[in-house]
């Protein structure tokens, strides 16, 4: 994408280092499994959000 849009070629390590210098991070997207239970996932997400808001 960098080469196509900006005519620049960089290795992944160079991009990660540049992000680090800018106090940014590069993460990969997550995926959901086809057999996952949506109700259990939503329950877990709700619990996690509650814990996040109650902890200092």
Protein backbone atom coordinates (compact mmCIF):
# COMPACT_ATOMS: atom_id res chain seq x y z
CA UNK A 1 0.00 0.00 0.00
CA UNK A 2 2.81 2.43 0.78
CA UNK A 3 4.43 1.73 -2.55
CA UNK A 4 1.17 2.14 -4.46
CA UNK A 5 -0.02 5.31 -2.73
CA UNK A 6 3.21 7.09 -1.78
CA UNK A 7 5.89 5.44 -3.93
CA UNK A 8 7.79 4.43 -0.77
CA UNK A 9 9.05 0.98 0.16
CA UNK A 10 9.67 0.10 3.82
CA UNK A 11 10.10 -3.14 5.71
CA UNK A 12 7.68 -4.07 8.48
CA UNK A 13 10.36 -3.59 11.15
CA UNK A 14 11.02 -0.04 9.91
CA UNK A 15 7.33 0.82 10.02
CA UNK A 16 7.00 -0.63 13.53
CA UNK A 17 10.02 1.39 14.69
CA UNK A 18 8.57 4.55 13.17
CA UNK A 19 5.24 3.93 14.91
CA UNK A 20 7.07 3.34 18.20
CA UNK A 21 8.91 6.66 17.86
CA UNK A 22 5.54 8.35 17.33
CA UNK A 23 4.09 6.59 20.43
CA UNK A 24 1.77 4.51 18.24
CA UNK A 25 1.38 0.78 17.96
CA UNK A 26 0.57 -1.58 15.15
CA UNK A 27 -1.79 -4.45 15.94
CA UNK A 28 -3.35 -7.11 13.80
CA UNK A 29 -7.09 -7.39 13.57
CA UNK A 30 -8.84 -10.10 15.55
CA UNK A 31 -11.22 -12.60 14.10
CA UNK A 32 -14.18 -14.45 15.50
CA UNK A 33 -14.50 -18.19 15.21
CA UNK A 34 -17.42 -19.51 13.22
CA UNK A 35 -18.47 -21.87 16.03
CA UNK A 36 -18.32 -19.21 18.76
CA UNK A 37 -21.39 -18.58 20.88
CA UNK A 38 -22.46 -14.91 20.41
CA UNK A 39 -24.39 -14.83 23.71
CA UNK A 40 -21.36 -16.02 25.71
CA UNK A 41 -19.12 -13.55 23.88
CA UNK A 42 -21.48 -10.67 24.68
CA UNK A 43 -21.64 -11.75 28.33
CA UNK A 44 -17.87 -11.85 28.53
CA UNK A 45 -17.59 -8.42 26.88
CA UNK A 46 -20.11 -6.98 29.35
CA UNK A 47 -18.18 -8.42 32.31
CA UNK A 48 -14.89 -7.13 30.96
CA UNK A 49 -16.27 -3.63 30.46
CA UNK A 50 -17.68 -3.65 34.01
CA UNK A 51 -14.30 -4.66 35.42
CA UNK A 52 -12.56 -1.97 33.37
CA UNK A 53 -14.87 0.75 34.69
CA UNK A 54 -14.69 -0.33 38.35
CA UNK A 55 -10.90 -0.70 38.60
CA UNK A 56 -8.89 2.45 39.36
